Amino acid sequence: MAIGICPTVDFAFKLLFGSPEHARITIHFLNAILGPAFRITAITFRNPFLGKATEDDKLSILDILARDDRGRFINIEIQTTVPAGMHQRLAYYVSSLYSEQLTQGLNYTSLHPAISICVLTKPMYAGDPRLHLDFRLRDSAGLLLTDDLQVHLLQLSKLTVTAQNVSQASPIEKWAYFLLNAETMTLDDVRRLFPEVEFSEAAGVLNMISQNPEQRQIYEARLKFQRDEAARLEGAINEGIEKGIEKGIEKGITQGRVEGRVEGRIEGRVEGLKVGQLLGQVTLLHDLLGVSQPNSEELSTFTEGQLVEFIDQLKRQLRSRGQ
């Protein structure tokens, strides 16, 4: 029987990676993300999952805060949407984790690295094919200022590994595959595909959730919440596109009528209406994307067909933000 629990639901994710009794799962996952240079052998959870279920648990943010045996502070989270301000939020979290260490009487050399790891089911950088993105403080030529602030993104949708080759995949690819597919796998499937004991232990944690009525109830509540949030975001994007098109048509009608009157010919009015509608859509879509408006002189050289193609491209960019 399939495990039936999706590890990307935040309740399951925190139980999986935030439980002291399953610390070796978290250690294995962190070593996969952070690489072999400084391998973690022990970890302390600052907000451990203690298995206490309350009504508040169903709506709380379930980030994982930990400290490894090198003194590094680590925040681990799962995101199933990419809300507005996500870039600033990640920068704020990791900088807070860093600055809060400096209490009275300490100097800057006492600061330990702060690391934020965000697992994303939707891509934050849709145009980048990489599964793992590693952000640090460097200059434009790549010169490193410090490793003390790190933000790691694991874009699960970028995984190219399949069941046929996952056994030869890198540790980070294996974890991405597990997070995406564990729900439909059996415990035997996990043991067959992943010889590492940490994956079997992780599958056991998920299976425990499915067998525990109280934990299953919290899991279902969080699953519903995440689905509702995703639907709300998609609805907002679609509504924004529709409103933008409506405003563009409105603007186009006005512009088309003016041009038609100036020209004094029916064909001028019709042509002005079409071009005005298209230019209005271009303006609104740029506003929704939050990017600067295109050069009006350049747009004036576009044919009607080129404007239609340009608008389709802008719509795809807008929709990709909600994926």
C-alpha atoms as a PDB file:
ATOM      1  CA  MET A   1       0.000   0.000   0.000  1.00  0.00           C
ATOM      2  CA  ALA A   2       1.217   3.489  -0.862  1.00  0.00           C
ATOM      3  CA  ILE A   3       2.340   5.681   2.037  1.00  0.00           C
ATOM      4  CA  GLY A   4      -0.342   8.259   1.145  1.00  0.00           C
ATOM      5  CA  ILE A   5       1.318  11.192   2.922  1.00  0.00           C
ATOM      6  CA  CYS A   6       2.921  14.003   0.932  1.00  0.00           C
ATOM      7  CA  PRO A   7       6.130  15.225   2.614  1.00  0.00           C
ATOM      8  CA  THR A   8       5.742  18.701   1.071  1.00  0.00           C
ATOM      9  CA  VAL A   9       2.744  19.404   3.316  1.00  0.00           C
ATOM     10  CA  ASP A  10       4.371  21.546   6.000  1.00  0.00           C
ATOM     11  CA  PHE A  11       3.103  19.478   8.952  1.00  0.00           C
ATOM     12  CA  ALA A  12       4.635  16.297   7.498  1.00  0.00           C
ATOM     13  CA  PHE A  13       7.765  18.211   6.470  1.00  0.00           C
ATOM     14  CA  LYS A  14       8.432  19.430  10.004  1.00  0.00           C
ATOM     15  CA  LEU A  15       7.735  16.038  11.547  1.00  0.00           C
ATOM     16  CA  LEU A  16      10.161  14.574   9.013  1.00  0.00           C
ATOM     17  CA  PHE A  17      13.017  17.070   9.421  1.00  0.00           C
ATOM     18  CA  GLY A  18      12.334  18.678  12.813  1.00  0.00           C
ATOM     19  CA  SER A  19      12.116  15.742  15.216  1.00  0.00           C
ATOM     20  CA  PRO A  20      15.032  15.100  17.627  1.00  0.00           C
ATOM     21  CA  GLU A  21      14.337  11.368  17.558  1.00  0.00           C
ATOM     22  CA  HIS A  22      14.859  11.399  13.787  1.00  0.00           C
ATOM     23  CA  ALA A  23      17.836  13.753  13.717  1.00  0.00           C
ATOM     24  CA  ARG A  24      19.855  11.600  11.341  1.00  0.00           C
ATOM     25  CA  ILE A  25      17.237  12.247   8.622  1.00  0.00           C
ATOM     26  CA  THR A  26      17.816  15.987   9.002  1.00  0.00           C
ATOM     27  CA  ILE A  27      21.604  15.570   9.112  1.00  0.00           C
ATOM     28  CA  HIS A  28      21.567  13.529   5.901  1.00  0.00           C
ATOM     29  CA  PHE A  29      19.316  16.105   4.193  1.00  0.00           C
ATOM     30  CA  LEU A  30      21.479  19.054   5.307  1.00  0.00           C
ATOM     31  CA  ASN A  31      24.682  17.374   4.147  1.00  0.00           C
ATOM     32  CA  ALA A  32      23.044  16.802   0.757  1.00  0.00           C
ATOM     33  CA  ILE A  33      22.186  20.515   0.487  1.00  0.00           C
ATOM     34  CA  LEU A  34      25.324  22.055   1.998  1.00  0.00           C
ATOM     35  CA  GLY A  35      27.855  19.697   0.417  1.00  0.00           C
ATOM     36  CA  PRO A  36      30.768  17.612   1.655  1.00  0.00           C
ATOM     37  CA  ALA A  37      33.183  20.403   2.628  1.00  0.00           C
ATOM     38  CA  PHE A  38      32.033  20.531   6.264  1.00  0.00           C
ATOM     39  CA  ARG A  39      29.948  17.484   7.005  1.00  0.00           C
ATOM     40  CA  ILE A  40      27.444  17.760   9.847  1.00  0.00           C
ATOM     41  CA  THR A  41      27.611  14.971  12.400  1.00  0.00           C
ATOM     42  CA  ALA A  42      25.257  16.337  15.084  1.00  0.00           C
ATOM     43  CA  ILE A  43      22.409  18.828  15.275  1.00  0.00           C
ATOM     44  CA  THR A  44      20.359  20.560  17.960  1.00  0.00           C
ATOM     45  CA  PHE A  45      16.792  21.660  17.264  1.00  0.00           C
ATOM     46  CA  ARG A  46      15.856  25.091  18.602  1.00  0.00           C
ATOM     47  CA  ASN A  47      12.123  24.496  18.012  1.00  0.00           C
ATOM     48  CA  PRO A  48      11.792  20.699  18.018  1.00  0.00           C
ATOM     49  CA  PHE A  49       8.648  18.924  16.918  1.00  0.00           C
ATOM     50  CA  LEU A  50       7.406  17.392  20.162  1.00  0.00           C
ATOM     51  CA  GLY A  51       4.282  15.728  18.836  1.00  0.00           C
ATOM     52  CA  LYS A  52       1.898  17.974  20.765  1.00  0.00           C
ATOM     53  CA  ALA A  53      -1.179  18.629  18.665  1.00  0.00           C
ATOM     54  CA  THR A  54      -3.268  21.706  19.370  1.00  0.00           C
ATOM     55  CA  GLU A  55      -5.726  23.748  17.384  1.00  0.00           C
ATOM     56  CA  ASP A  56      -3.021  26.377  16.857  1.00  0.00           C
ATOM     57  CA  ASP A  57      -0.772  23.785  15.218  1.00  0.00           C
ATOM     58  CA  LYS A  58      -3.151  23.629  12.272  1.00  0.00           C
ATOM     59  CA  LEU A  59      -2.484  27.236  11.293  1.00  0.00           C
ATOM     60  CA  SER A  60       1.036  27.903  12.571  1.00  0.00           C
ATOM     61  CA  ILE A  61       4.074  28.389  10.364  1.00  0.00           C
ATOM     62  CA  LEU A  62       6.124  25.233  10.667  1.00  0.00           C
ATOM     63  CA  ASP A  63       9.693  26.316   9.906  1.00  0.00           C
ATOM     64  CA  ILE A  64      12.529  24.286  11.401  1.00  0.00           C
ATOM     65  CA  LEU A  65      15.276  26.064  13.361  1.00  0.00           C
ATOM     66  CA  ALA A  66      18.435  24.144  14.177  1.00  0.00           C
ATOM     67  CA  ARG A  67      22.128  24.496  15.007  1.00  0.00           C
ATOM     68  CA  ASP A  68      24.788  22.103  13.769  1.00  0.00           C
ATOM     69  CA  ASP A  69      27.976  20.879  15.440  1.00  0.00           C
ATOM     70  CA  ARG A  70      29.968  23.738  13.822  1.00  0.00           C
ATOM     71  CA  GLY A  71      27.715  26.304  15.486  1.00  0.00           C
ATOM     72  CA  ARG A  72      25.915  27.301  12.283  1.00  0.00           C
ATOM     73  CA  PHE A  73      22.295  28.423  12.644  1.00  0.00           C
ATOM     74  CA  ILE A  74      19.989  26.861  10.073  1.00  0.00           C
ATOM     75  CA  ASN A  75      16.396  27.594   9.072  1.00  0.00           C
ATOM     76  CA  ILE A  76      14.579  24.981   6.954  1.00  0.00           C
ATOM     77  CA  GLU A  77      11.177  25.587   5.376  1.00  0.00           C
ATOM     78  CA  ILE A  78       8.833  24.292   2.680  1.00  0.00           C
ATOM     79  CA  GLN A  79       6.896  26.600   0.357  1.00  0.00           C
ATOM     80  CA  THR A  80       4.146  25.432  -2.005  1.00  0.00           C
ATOM     81  CA  THR A  81       3.563  28.923  -3.419  1.00  0.00           C
ATOM     82  CA  VAL A  82       5.841  31.866  -4.198  1.00  0.00           C
ATOM     83  CA  PRO A  83       4.087  34.847  -2.601  1.00  0.00           C
ATOM     84  CA  ALA A  84       4.924  38.482  -3.281  1.00  0.00           C
ATOM     85  CA  GLY A  85       8.008  39.677  -1.400  1.00  0.00           C
ATOM     86  CA  MET A  86       9.555  36.198  -1.236  1.00  0.00           C
ATOM     87  CA  HIS A  87      13.041  37.468  -2.141  1.00  0.00           C
ATOM     88  CA  GLN A  88      12.966  40.099   0.608  1.00  0.00           C
ATOM     89  CA  ARG A  89      11.473  37.622   3.088  1.00  0.00           C
ATOM     90  CA  LEU A  90      14.316  35.146   2.577  1.00  0.00           C
ATOM     91  CA  ALA A  91      16.912  37.899   2.976  1.00  0.00           C
ATOM     92  CA  TYR A  92      15.175  39.180   6.120  1.00  0.00           C
ATOM     93  CA  TYR A  93      14.964  35.751   7.751  1.00  0.00           C
ATOM     94  CA  VAL A  94      18.592  34.838   7.240  1.00  0.00           C
ATOM     95  CA  SER A  95      19.851  38.280   8.300  1.00  0.00           C
ATOM     96  CA  SER A  96      17.680  38.126  11.439  1.00  0.00           C
ATOM     97  CA  LEU A  97      19.066  34.691  12.252  1.00  0.00           C
ATOM     98  CA  TYR A  98      22.531  36.225  11.970  1.00  0.00           C
ATOM     99  CA  SER A  99      22.060  39.554  13.770  1.00  0.00           C
ATOM    100  CA  GLU A 100      20.093  38.141  16.702  1.00  0.00           C
ATOM    101  CA  GLN A 101      23.213  36.262  17.823  1.00  0.00           C
ATOM    102  CA  LEU A 102      25.012  39.493  18.735  1.00  0.00           C
ATOM    103  CA  THR A 103      23.928  40.198  22.283  1.00  0.00           C
ATOM    104  CA  GLN A 104      25.489  42.761  24.612  1.00  0.00           C
ATOM    105  CA  GLY A 105      29.142  42.135  25.398  1.00  0.00           C
ATOM    106  CA  LEU A 106      29.873  40.078  22.271  1.00  0.00           C
ATOM    107  CA  ASN A 107      31.903  41.209  19.272  1.00  0.00           C
ATOM    108  CA  TYR A 108      31.427  40.499  15.567  1.00  0.00           C
ATOM    109  CA  THR A 109      33.926  37.650  15.521  1.00  0.00           C
ATOM    110  CA  SER A 110      31.575  35.679  17.765  1.00  0.00           C
ATOM    111  CA  LEU A 111      28.942  35.495  15.016  1.00  0.00           C
ATOM    112  CA  HIS A 112      28.237  32.101  13.484  1.00  0.00           C
ATOM    113  CA  PRO A 113      27.027  31.532   9.909  1.00  0.00           C
ATOM    114  CA  ALA A 114      23.276  31.749   9.292  1.00  0.00           C
ATOM    115  CA  ILE A 115      21.813  29.514   6.608  1.00  0.00           C
ATOM    116  CA  SER A 116      18.293  29.484   5.187  1.00  0.00           C
ATOM    117  CA  ILE A 117      17.106  26.481   3.178  1.00  0.00           C
ATOM    118  CA  CYS A 118      13.827  26.838   1.317  1.00  0.00           C
ATOM    119  CA  VAL A 119      12.293  23.858  -0.472  1.00  0.00           C
ATOM    120  CA  LEU A 120       9.969  25.038  -3.258  1.00  0.00           C
ATOM    121  CA  THR A 121       7.331  22.998  -5.056  1.00  0.00           C
ATOM    122  CA  LYS A 122       6.830  25.954  -7.452  1.00  0.00           C
ATOM    123  CA  PRO A 123       9.895  27.539  -9.078  1.00  0.00           C
ATOM    124  CA  MET A 124      11.058  30.892  -7.807  1.00  0.00           C
ATOM    125  CA  TYR A 125      13.246  31.240 -10.903  1.00  0.00           C
ATOM    126  CA  ALA A 126      11.173  29.669 -13.662  1.00  0.00           C
ATOM    127  CA  GLY A 127      13.782  30.349 -16.335  1.00  0.00           C
ATOM    128  CA  ASP A 128      16.659  28.704 -14.434  1.00  0.00           C
ATOM    129  CA  PRO A 129      16.938  24.923 -14.965  1.00  0.00           C
ATOM    130  CA  ARG A 130      18.963  24.246 -11.815  1.00  0.00           C
ATOM    131  CA  LEU A 131      17.509  22.170  -8.996  1.00  0.00           C
ATOM    132  CA  HIS A 132      19.688  23.781  -6.307  1.00  0.00           C
ATOM    133  CA  LEU A 133      20.419  27.514  -6.129  1.00  0.00           C
ATOM    134  CA  ASP A 134      23.075  28.697  -3.659  1.00  0.00           C
ATOM    135  CA  PHE A 135      23.139  32.438  -2.812  1.00  0.00           C
ATOM    136  CA  ARG A 136      26.003  34.077  -0.863  1.00  0.00           C
ATOM    137  CA  LEU A 137      27.604  37.521  -0.511  1.00  0.00           C
ATOM    138  CA  ARG A 138      29.924  38.009  -3.475  1.00  0.00           C
ATOM    139  CA  ASP A 139      30.987  40.882  -5.695  1.00  0.00           C
ATOM    140  CA  SER A 140      30.060  41.077  -9.377  1.00  0.00           C
ATOM    141  CA  ALA A 141      33.228  39.183 -10.352  1.00  0.00           C
ATOM    142  CA  GLY A 142      32.546  36.348  -7.912  1.00  0.00           C
ATOM    143  CA  LEU A 143      34.892  37.435  -5.123  1.00  0.00           C
ATOM    144  CA  LEU A 144      33.478  36.100  -1.851  1.00  0.00           C
ATOM    145  CA  LEU A 145      32.914  38.565   0.986  1.00  0.00           C
ATOM    146  CA  THR A 146      31.678  35.984   3.489  1.00  0.00           C
ATOM    147  CA  ASP A 147      29.996  32.599   3.719  1.00  0.00           C
ATOM    148  CA  ASP A 148      28.240  33.694   6.894  1.00  0.00           C
ATOM    149  CA  LEU A 149      24.959  34.435   5.087  1.00  0.00           C
ATOM    150  CA  GLN A 150      23.582  31.728   2.801  1.00  0.00           C
ATOM    151  CA  VAL A 151      20.223  31.146   1.134  1.00  0.00           C
ATOM    152  CA  HIS A 152      19.681  27.782  -0.541  1.00  0.00           C
ATOM    153  CA  LEU A 153      16.694  27.095  -2.777  1.00  0.00           C
ATOM    154  CA  LEU A 154      15.669  23.570  -3.767  1.00  0.00           C
ATOM    155  CA  GLN A 155      13.368  23.975  -6.792  1.00  0.00           C
ATOM    156  CA  LEU A 156      11.691  20.558  -6.876  1.00  0.00           C
ATOM    157  CA  SER A 157      10.002  21.186 -10.224  1.00  0.00           C
ATOM    158  CA  LYS A 158      13.449  21.299 -11.863  1.00  0.00           C
ATOM    159  CA  LEU A 159      14.236  17.661 -11.001  1.00  0.00           C
ATOM    160  CA  THR A 160      15.006  15.545 -14.086  1.00  0.00           C
ATOM    161  CA  VAL A 161      15.785  12.263 -12.281  1.00  0.00           C
ATOM    162  CA  THR A 162      13.413   9.328 -12.812  1.00  0.00           C
ATOM    163  CA  ALA A 163      12.757   6.029 -11.017  1.00  0.00           C
ATOM    164  CA  GLN A 164      15.037   4.340 -13.548  1.00  0.00           C
ATOM    165  CA  ASN A 165      18.152   6.359 -12.624  1.00  0.00           C
ATOM    166  CA  VAL A 166      17.478   7.717  -9.124  1.00  0.00           C
ATOM    167  CA  SER A 167      19.738   5.103  -7.552  1.00  0.00           C
ATOM    168  CA  GLN A 168      22.699   6.718  -9.373  1.00  0.00           C
ATOM    169  CA  ALA A 169      21.591  10.270  -8.587  1.00  0.00           C
ATOM    170  CA  SER A 170      23.318  12.725  -6.247  1.00  0.00           C
ATOM    171  CA  PRO A 171      22.130  12.945  -2.607  1.00  0.00           C
ATOM    172  CA  ILE A 172      20.329  16.227  -3.283  1.00  0.00           C
ATOM    173  CA  GLU A 173      18.538  14.726  -6.308  1.00  0.00           C
ATOM    174  CA  LYS A 174      17.525  11.705  -4.230  1.00  0.00           C
ATOM    175  CA  TRP A 175      15.932  13.913  -1.588  1.00  0.00           C
ATOM    176  CA  ALA A 176      14.129  15.928  -4.241  1.00  0.00           C
ATOM    177  CA  TYR A 177      12.797  12.715  -5.786  1.00  0.00           C
ATOM    178  CA  PHE A 178      11.703  11.418  -2.383  1.00  0.00           C
ATOM    179  CA  LEU A 179       9.887  14.644  -1.516  1.00  0.00           C
ATOM    180  CA  LEU A 180       8.048  14.607  -4.843  1.00  0.00           C
ATOM    181  CA  ASN A 181       7.161  10.910  -4.973  1.00  0.00           C
ATOM    182  CA  ALA A 182       7.054   9.413  -1.463  1.00  0.00           C
ATOM    183  CA  GLU A 183       3.261   9.830  -1.254  1.00  0.00           C
ATOM    184  CA  THR A 184       2.678   7.294  -4.046  1.00  0.00           C
ATOM    185  CA  MET A 185       5.455   4.898  -3.036  1.00  0.00           C
ATOM    186  CA  THR A 186       5.282   1.900  -0.715  1.00  0.00           C
ATOM    187  CA  LEU A 187       7.789   1.237   2.036  1.00  0.00           C
ATOM    188  CA  ASP A 188       9.253  -1.527  -0.140  1.00  0.00           C
ATOM    189  CA  ASP A 189       9.607   0.916  -3.059  1.00  0.00           C
ATOM    190  CA  VAL A 190      11.621   3.261  -0.852  1.00  0.00           C
ATOM    191  CA  ARG A 191      13.921   0.477   0.357  1.00  0.00           C
ATOM    192  CA  ARG A 192      14.450  -0.693  -3.219  1.00  0.00           C
ATOM    193  CA  LEU A 193      15.245   2.710  -4.686  1.00  0.00           C
ATOM    194  CA  PHE A 194      17.198   4.175  -1.760  1.00  0.00           C
ATOM    195  CA  PRO A 195      19.768   1.961  -0.011  1.00  0.00           C
ATOM    196  CA  GLU A 196      20.524   4.701   2.549  1.00  0.00           C
ATOM    197  CA  VAL A 197      18.814   3.967   5.874  1.00  0.00           C
ATOM    198  CA  GLU A 198      17.798   7.614   6.275  1.00  0.00           C
ATOM    199  CA  PHE A 199      15.270   7.296   3.449  1.00  0.00           C
ATOM    200  CA  SER A 200      13.710   4.187   4.964  1.00  0.00           C
ATOM    201  CA  GLU A 201      13.464   6.011   8.289  1.00  0.00           C
ATOM    202  CA  ALA A 202      11.874   8.997   6.532  1.00  0.00           C
ATOM    203  CA  ALA A 203       9.318   6.725   4.864  1.00  0.00           C
ATOM    204  CA  GLY A 204       8.566   5.252   8.276  1.00  0.00           C
ATOM    205  CA  VAL A 205       7.873   8.722   9.696  1.00  0.00           C
ATOM    206  CA  LEU A 206       5.397   9.449   6.891  1.00  0.00           C
ATOM    207  CA  ASN A 207       3.753   6.068   7.341  1.00  0.00           C
ATOM    208  CA  MET A 208       3.390   6.816  11.068  1.00  0.00           C
ATOM    209  CA  ILE A 209       1.413   9.953  10.223  1.00  0.00           C
ATOM    210  CA  SER A 210      -0.973   7.936   8.062  1.00  0.00           C
ATOM    211  CA  GLN A 211      -1.556   5.467  10.917  1.00  0.00           C
ATOM    212  CA  ASN A 212      -2.001   8.036  13.708  1.00  0.00           C
ATOM    213  CA  PRO A 213      -5.576   9.480  13.678  1.00  0.00           C
ATOM    214  CA  GLU A 214      -4.598  12.676  15.497  1.00  0.00           C
ATOM    215  CA  GLN A 215      -1.606  13.417  13.276  1.00  0.00           C
ATOM    216  CA  ARG A 216      -3.575  12.453  10.179  1.00  0.00           C
ATOM    217  CA  GLN A 217      -6.248  14.993  11.091  1.00  0.00           C
ATOM    218  CA  ILE A 218      -3.679  17.792  11.449  1.00  0.00           C
ATOM    219  CA  TYR A 219      -2.038  16.710   8.179  1.00  0.00           C
ATOM    220  CA  GLU A 220      -5.364  16.865   6.316  1.00  0.00           C
ATOM    221  CA  ALA A 221      -6.083  20.319   7.766  1.00  0.00           C
ATOM    222  CA  ARG A 222      -2.699  21.616   6.606  1.00  0.00           C
ATOM    223  CA  LEU A 223      -3.132  19.983   3.196  1.00  0.00           C
ATOM    224  CA  LYS A 224      -6.479  21.743   2.765  1.00  0.00           C
ATOM    225  CA  PHE A 225      -4.957  25.053   3.864  1.00  0.00           C
ATOM    226  CA  GLN A 226      -2.117  24.769   1.333  1.00  0.00           C
ATOM    227  CA  ARG A 227      -4.516  23.859  -1.474  1.00  0.00           C
ATOM    228  CA  ASP A 228      -6.786  26.784  -0.602  1.00  0.00           C
ATOM    229  CA  GLU A 229      -3.787  29.147  -0.630  1.00  0.00           C
ATOM    230  CA  ALA A 230      -2.650  27.857  -4.020  1.00  0.00           C
ATOM    231  CA  ALA A 231      -6.164  28.261  -5.432  1.00  0.00           C
ATOM    232  CA  ARG A 232      -6.427  31.780  -3.997  1.00  0.00           C
ATOM    233  CA  LEU A 233      -3.117  32.800  -5.574  1.00  0.00           C
ATOM    234  CA  GLU A 234      -4.055  31.322  -8.951  1.00  0.00           C
ATOM    235  CA  GLY A 235      -7.419  33.078  -8.794  1.00  0.00           C
ATOM    236  CA  ALA A 236      -5.748  36.400  -7.999  1.00  0.00           C
ATOM    237  CA  ILE A 237      -3.380  36.037 -10.949  1.00  0.00           C
ATOM    238  CA  ASN A 238      -6.192  35.155 -13.354  1.00  0.00           C
ATOM    239  CA  GLU A 239      -8.321  38.008 -12.029  1.00  0.00           C
ATOM    240  CA  GLY A 240      -5.428  40.416 -12.498  1.00  0.00           C
ATOM    241  CA  ILE A 241      -4.949  39.290 -16.079  1.00  0.00           C
ATOM    242  CA  GLU A 242      -8.658  39.631 -16.860  1.00  0.00           C
ATOM    243  CA  LYS A 243      -8.841  43.098 -15.296  1.00  0.00           C
ATOM    244  CA  GLY A 244      -5.755  44.124 -17.217  1.00  0.00           C
ATOM    245  CA  ILE A 245      -7.293  42.970 -20.476  1.00  0.00           C
ATOM    246  CA  GLU A 246     -10.540  44.804 -19.682  1.00  0.00           C
ATOM    247  CA  LYS A 247      -8.666  48.033 -18.965  1.00  0.00           C
ATOM    248  CA  GLY A 248      -6.601  47.567 -22.087  1.00  0.00           C
ATOM    249  CA  ILE A 249      -9.731  47.169 -24.199  1.00  0.00           C
ATOM    250  CA  GLU A 250     -11.241  50.244 -22.554  1.00  0.00           C
ATOM    251  CA  LYS A 251      -8.107  52.260 -23.297  1.00  0.00           C
ATOM    252  CA  GLY A 252      -7.962  50.869 -26.794  1.00  0.00           C
ATOM    253  CA  ILE A 253     -11.554  51.843 -27.556  1.00  0.00           C
ATOM    254  CA  THR A 254     -10.866  55.433 -26.479  1.00  0.00           C
ATOM    255  CA  GLN A 255      -7.640  55.638 -28.442  1.00  0.00           C
ATOM    256  CA  GLY A 256      -9.200  53.983 -31.460  1.00  0.00           C
ATOM    257  CA  ARG A 257     -12.115  56.421 -31.546  1.00  0.00           C
ATOM    258  CA  VAL A 258      -9.773  59.404 -31.292  1.00  0.00           C
ATOM    259  CA  GLU A 259      -7.585  58.112 -34.093  1.00  0.00           C
ATOM    260  CA  GLY A 260     -10.651  57.323 -36.157  1.00  0.00           C
ATOM    261  CA  ARG A 261     -11.995  60.858 -35.796  1.00  0.00           C
ATOM    262  CA  VAL A 262      -8.628  62.376 -36.630  1.00  0.00           C
ATOM    263  CA  GLU A 263      -8.306  60.275 -39.747  1.00  0.00           C
ATOM    264  CA  GLY A 264     -11.973  60.752 -40.593  1.00  0.00           C
ATOM    265  CA  ARG A 265     -12.124  57.305 -42.155  1.00  0.00           C
ATOM    266  CA  ILE A 266     -13.830  54.100 -41.017  1.00  0.00           C
ATOM    267  CA  GLU A 267     -10.735  51.994 -41.592  1.00  0.00           C
ATOM    268  CA  GLY A 268      -8.681  54.377 -39.484  1.00  0.00           C
ATOM    269  CA  ARG A 269     -11.124  53.994 -36.612  1.00  0.00           C
ATOM    270  CA  VAL A 270     -11.093  50.205 -36.844  1.00  0.00           C
ATOM    271  CA  GLU A 271      -7.319  50.065 -37.093  1.00  0.00           C
ATOM    272  CA  GLY A 272      -6.934  52.515 -34.207  1.00  0.00           C
ATOM    273  CA  LEU A 273      -9.286  50.423 -32.103  1.00  0.00           C
ATOM    274  CA  LYS A 274      -7.280  47.240 -32.691  1.00  0.00           C
ATOM    275  CA  VAL A 275      -3.902  48.852 -32.061  1.00  0.00           C
ATOM    276  CA  GLY A 276      -5.215  50.748 -29.049  1.00  0.00           C
ATOM    277  CA  GLN A 277      -6.569  47.560 -27.507  1.00  0.00           C
ATOM    278  CA  LEU A 278      -3.252  45.804 -28.000  1.00  0.00           C
ATOM    279  CA  LEU A 279      -1.193  48.701 -26.634  1.00  0.00           C
ATOM    280  CA  GLY A 280      -3.484  48.901 -23.632  1.00  0.00           C
ATOM    281  CA  GLN A 281      -2.912  45.214 -22.906  1.00  0.00           C
ATOM    282  CA  VAL A 282       0.855  45.692 -23.167  1.00  0.00           C
ATOM    283  CA  THR A 283       0.720  48.568 -20.671  1.00  0.00           C
ATOM    284  CA  LEU A 284      -1.397  46.670 -18.137  1.00  0.00           C
ATOM    285  CA  LEU A 285       0.621  43.457 -18.361  1.00  0.00           C
ATOM    286  CA  HIS A 286       3.831  45.388 -17.702  1.00  0.00           C
ATOM    287  CA  ASP A 287       2.163  46.972 -14.664  1.00  0.00           C
ATOM    288  CA  LEU A 288       1.114  43.532 -13.344  1.00  0.00           C
ATOM    289  CA  LEU A 289       4.622  42.167 -13.879  1.00  0.00           C
ATOM    290  CA  GLY A 290       6.101  45.168 -12.073  1.00  0.00           C
ATOM    291  CA  VAL A 291       8.584  45.965 -14.839  1.00  0.00           C
ATOM    292  CA  SER A 292       9.268  49.214 -16.671  1.00  0.00           C
ATOM    293  CA  GLN A 293       7.121  50.139 -19.635  1.00  0.00           C
ATOM    294  CA  PRO A 294       8.536  49.408 -23.121  1.00  0.00           C
ATOM    295  CA  ASN A 295       9.833  52.209 -25.312  1.00  0.00           C
ATOM    296  CA  SER A 296       6.848  53.785 -27.064  1.00  0.00           C
ATOM    297  CA  GLU A 297       8.890  54.529 -30.198  1.00  0.00           C
ATOM    298  CA  GLU A 298       9.903  50.880 -30.460  1.00  0.00           C
ATOM    299  CA  LEU A 299       6.305  49.703 -29.970  1.00  0.00           C
ATOM    300  CA  SER A 300       5.119  52.046 -32.706  1.00  0.00           C
ATOM    301  CA  THR A 301       7.135  49.998 -35.216  1.00  0.00           C
ATOM    302  CA  PHE A 302       5.379  46.733 -34.245  1.00  0.00           C
ATOM    303  CA  THR A 303       2.844  45.241 -36.604  1.00  0.00           C
ATOM    304  CA  GLU A 304      -0.469  44.004 -35.216  1.00  0.00           C
ATOM    305  CA  GLY A 305       0.819  40.421 -35.380  1.00  0.00           C
ATOM    306  CA  GLN A 306       4.001  41.330 -33.512  1.00  0.00           C
ATOM    307  CA  LEU A 307       1.970  43.047 -30.785  1.00  0.00           C
ATOM    308  CA  VAL A 308      -0.210  39.943 -30.371  1.00  0.00           C
ATOM    309  CA  GLU A 309       2.902  37.757 -30.063  1.00  0.00           C
ATOM    310  CA  PHE A 310       4.449  40.155 -27.533  1.00  0.00           C
ATOM    311  CA  ILE A 311       1.261  40.122 -25.416  1.00  0.00           C
ATOM    312  CA  ASP A 312       1.186  36.301 -25.399  1.00  0.00           C
ATOM    313  CA  GLN A 313       4.782  36.301 -24.161  1.00  0.00           C
ATOM    314  CA  LEU A 314       3.927  38.714 -21.311  1.00  0.00           C
ATOM    315  CA  LYS A 315       0.922  36.593 -20.276  1.00  0.00           C
ATOM    316  CA  ARG A 316       3.118  33.485 -20.083  1.00  0.00           C
ATOM    317  CA  GLN A 317       5.575  35.345 -17.840  1.00  0.00           C
ATOM    318  CA  LEU A 318       2.744  36.430 -15.523  1.00  0.00           C
ATOM    319  CA  ARG A 319       1.234  32.972 -15.294  1.00  0.00           C
ATOM    320  CA  SER A 320       4.630  31.400 -14.574  1.00  0.00           C
ATOM    321  CA  ARG A 321       4.794  33.396 -11.330  1.00  0.00           C
ATOM    322  CA  GLY A 322       1.882  31.429  -9.959  1.00  0.00           C
ATOM    323  CA  GLN A 323       3.252  28.039 -10.940  1.00  0.00           C
END
